[in-house]
Amino acid sequence: MNKETHYQVHDSPKVAVLQVLKKASYTNCEPVRKFFDRKFKAGQRSFIVDFANCTSVDSTFLGILVRLALNLRNSEDSGKLALINLTGRNLETVKNLGIHRIAEISSHAVESITELESLSEKGQSETACSKTIYEAHKTLMNLNEKNLRIFCDVVSFLEQETEPSK
């Protein structure tokens, strides 16, 4: 594993597993968004995100998780997003934002998976574009009233940044 790797995945017909390595943030979460979008469109309805080796998460990454959880909940053949091995500040943040209400929080370990691949987008920047950051925060903001207050300024700022100059 090179030091640029932030995520590893295991993908099977039954489940897609994402292991977070170190920090999950707007600077490295674009491949995660694309992976989730691609797998969801292909019909995958069972996702596990393993935080055992995760040191921190930011709101952009969490907004991407919320978007996936809501897509799973609203699809005809509803699915499941399980967040496992959340501890400390990461668990506290997930609960403070209300994400535990739409995703399963578990301490159960994933079966030993030996076929992990580094998740990367070769030839593309891993940094999330402003559209991804905006959508992630808008999703969090719409999840509940508390998040509306927390993220309204961020969303307003990003909306102003994307408006054409007058």
Protein backbone atom coordinates (compact mmCIF):
# COMPACT_ATOMS: atom_id res chain seq x y z
CA MET A 1 0.00 0.00 0.00
CA ASN A 2 1.50 3.33 -0.98
CA LYS A 3 1.16 6.35 1.22
CA GLU A 4 -1.27 7.98 -1.22
CA THR A 5 -3.88 5.28 -0.62
CA HIS A 6 -6.72 6.43 1.62
CA TYR A 7 -9.25 3.72 0.87
CA GLN A 8 -9.33 0.05 0.03
CA VAL A 9 -12.30 -1.79 -1.38
CA HIS A 10 -13.60 -5.29 -1.70
CA ASP A 11 -16.39 -5.70 -4.17
CA SER A 12 -18.51 -8.80 -4.55
CA PRO A 13 -22.06 -9.43 -5.75
CA LYS A 14 -23.22 -9.60 -2.12
CA VAL A 15 -21.54 -6.52 -0.66
CA ALA A 16 -19.20 -3.63 -1.39
CA VAL A 17 -16.77 -2.96 1.46
CA LEU A 18 -14.83 0.28 1.81
CA GLN A 19 -12.03 0.44 4.37
CA VAL A 20 -11.02 3.95 5.37
CA LEU A 21 -7.30 4.40 6.01
CA LYS A 22 -6.25 7.41 8.04
CA LYS A 23 -8.18 10.60 7.19
CA ALA A 24 -11.37 10.73 5.12
CA SER A 25 -11.83 14.27 3.88
CA TYR A 26 -12.74 16.53 1.01
CA THR A 27 -9.13 16.28 -0.17
CA ASN A 28 -9.40 12.55 -0.90
CA CYS A 29 -13.06 11.49 -1.07
CA GLU A 30 -13.86 12.00 -4.75
CA PRO A 31 -12.93 8.38 -5.61
CA VAL A 32 -15.30 7.22 -2.85
CA ARG A 33 -18.21 9.22 -4.27
CA LYS A 34 -17.55 7.83 -7.73
CA PHE A 35 -17.23 4.27 -6.40
CA PHE A 36 -20.52 4.50 -4.49
CA ASP A 37 -22.31 6.08 -7.48
CA ARG A 38 -20.98 3.45 -9.88
CA LYS A 39 -21.86 0.51 -7.60
CA PHE A 40 -25.33 1.87 -6.78
CA LYS A 41 -26.14 2.40 -10.48
CA ALA A 42 -24.93 -1.16 -11.15
CA GLY A 43 -27.47 -2.48 -8.63
CA GLN A 44 -25.37 -2.98 -5.50
CA ARG A 45 -27.58 -2.52 -2.44
CA SER A 46 -25.34 -3.64 0.41
CA PHE A 47 -22.45 -1.45 1.52
CA ILE A 48 -20.10 -1.62 4.50
CA VAL A 49 -17.74 1.16 5.49
CA ASP A 50 -15.04 0.05 7.93
CA PHE A 51 -13.54 2.78 10.13
CA ALA A 52 -11.11 0.54 12.08
CA ASN A 53 -8.07 2.35 10.62
CA CYS A 54 -9.69 5.77 10.25
CA THR A 55 -8.23 8.63 12.27
CA SER A 56 -10.73 11.32 11.26
CA VAL A 57 -13.63 12.18 8.97
CA ASP A 58 -14.91 15.49 7.68
CA SER A 59 -18.35 16.70 6.70
CA THR A 60 -17.82 16.24 2.96
CA PHE A 61 -17.03 12.56 3.41
CA LEU A 62 -19.99 12.14 5.77
CA GLY A 63 -22.30 13.91 3.32
CA ILE A 64 -21.29 11.37 0.67
CA LEU A 65 -22.24 8.57 3.09
CA VAL A 66 -25.60 10.21 3.83
CA ARG A 67 -26.33 10.54 0.11
CA LEU A 68 -25.64 6.82 -0.35
CA ALA A 69 -27.81 5.89 2.66
CA LEU A 70 -30.71 7.99 1.37
CA ASN A 71 -30.37 6.54 -2.14
CA LEU A 72 -30.49 3.04 -0.65
CA ARG A 73 -33.50 3.91 1.49
CA ASN A 74 -35.40 5.43 -1.43
CA SER A 75 -34.65 2.77 -4.04
CA GLU A 76 -37.31 0.25 -5.00
CA ASP A 77 -35.15 -2.60 -3.77
CA SER A 78 -33.95 -0.88 -0.61
CA GLY A 79 -30.54 -1.73 0.69
CA LYS A 80 -28.30 -1.20 3.66
CA LEU A 81 -25.33 0.94 4.61
CA ALA A 82 -23.44 -0.37 7.63
CA LEU A 83 -20.80 1.75 9.34
CA ILE A 84 -18.54 -0.49 11.40
CA ASN A 85 -15.76 0.07 13.92
CA LEU A 86 -16.69 3.69 14.56
CA THR A 87 -15.13 4.89 17.79
CA GLY A 88 -14.26 8.08 19.62
CA ARG A 89 -14.70 11.36 17.80
CA ASN A 90 -15.79 9.68 14.55
CA LEU A 91 -18.70 7.92 16.29
CA GLU A 92 -19.60 11.10 18.16
CA THR A 93 -19.67 13.11 14.91
CA VAL A 94 -21.85 10.53 13.15
CA LYS A 95 -24.34 10.60 16.02
CA ASN A 96 -24.27 14.40 16.37
CA LEU A 97 -25.21 14.75 12.70
CA GLY A 98 -27.99 12.15 12.92
CA ILE A 99 -26.38 9.74 10.49
CA HIS A 100 -26.96 6.84 12.89
CA ARG A 101 -30.69 7.17 12.10
CA ILE A 102 -30.26 6.30 8.41
CA ALA A 103 -27.27 3.94 8.51
CA GLU A 104 -26.61 0.89 10.66
CA ILE A 105 -23.87 1.42 13.23
CA SER A 106 -22.16 -1.81 14.23
CA SER A 107 -19.10 -3.06 16.03
CA HIS A 108 -19.23 -6.40 14.24
CA ALA A 109 -16.09 -7.11 12.29
CA VAL A 110 -16.21 -7.83 8.60
CA GLU A 111 -15.27 -11.36 7.68
CA SER A 112 -11.59 -11.58 6.93
CA ILE A 113 -11.23 -10.10 3.47
CA THR A 114 -7.96 -10.70 1.72
CA GLU A 115 -8.88 -9.35 -1.70
CA LEU A 116 -8.61 -5.63 -1.10
CA GLU A 117 -7.77 -3.15 -3.81
CA SER A 118 -6.65 0.42 -3.39
CA LEU A 119 -9.35 2.81 -4.50
CA SER A 120 -7.96 5.46 -6.78
CA GLU A 121 -8.88 7.39 -9.86
CA LYS A 122 -5.84 7.15 -12.08
CA GLY A 123 -5.18 10.30 -14.03
CA GLN A 124 -7.67 12.38 -12.05
CA SER A 125 -7.28 14.55 -9.02
CA GLU A 126 -8.61 12.98 -5.85
CA THR A 127 -9.64 16.35 -4.47
CA ALA A 128 -13.41 16.74 -4.43
CA CYS A 129 -14.66 19.40 -6.75
CA SER A 130 -16.70 22.25 -5.33
CA LYS A 131 -19.85 20.60 -6.71
CA THR A 132 -19.21 17.45 -4.63
CA ILE A 133 -18.46 19.52 -1.54
CA TYR A 134 -21.63 21.55 -2.11
CA GLU A 135 -23.82 18.47 -2.66
CA ALA A 136 -22.37 16.72 0.41
CA HIS A 137 -23.10 19.69 2.68
CA LYS A 138 -26.53 20.28 1.15
CA THR A 139 -27.36 16.62 1.83
CA LEU A 140 -26.22 16.92 5.45
CA MET A 141 -28.15 20.19 5.82
CA ASN A 142 -31.36 18.56 4.58
CA LEU A 143 -31.02 15.56 6.90
CA ASN A 144 -32.35 17.39 9.96
CA GLU A 145 -33.00 20.79 11.54
CA LYS A 146 -29.79 20.80 13.60
CA ASN A 147 -27.67 20.20 10.50
CA LEU A 148 -29.56 22.95 8.68
CA ARG A 149 -28.21 25.43 11.23
CA ILE A 150 -24.71 23.92 11.21
CA PHE A 151 -24.18 23.86 7.44
CA CYS A 152 -26.31 26.71 6.07
CA ASP A 153 -23.37 29.13 6.00
CA VAL A 154 -21.14 26.64 4.18
CA VAL A 155 -23.83 25.96 1.59
CA SER A 156 -24.53 29.69 1.16
CA PHE A 157 -20.83 30.38 0.67
CA LEU A 158 -20.51 27.62 -1.91
CA GLU A 159 -23.62 28.88 -3.73
CA GLN A 160 -22.12 32.36 -3.93
CA GLU A 161 -18.83 30.94 -5.21
CA THR A 162 -20.59 29.20 -8.09
CA GLU A 163 -22.79 32.13 -9.12
CA PRO A 164 -21.54 33.99 -12.18
CA SER A 165 -20.16 37.49 -11.54
CA LYS A 166 -22.64 40.29 -12.07
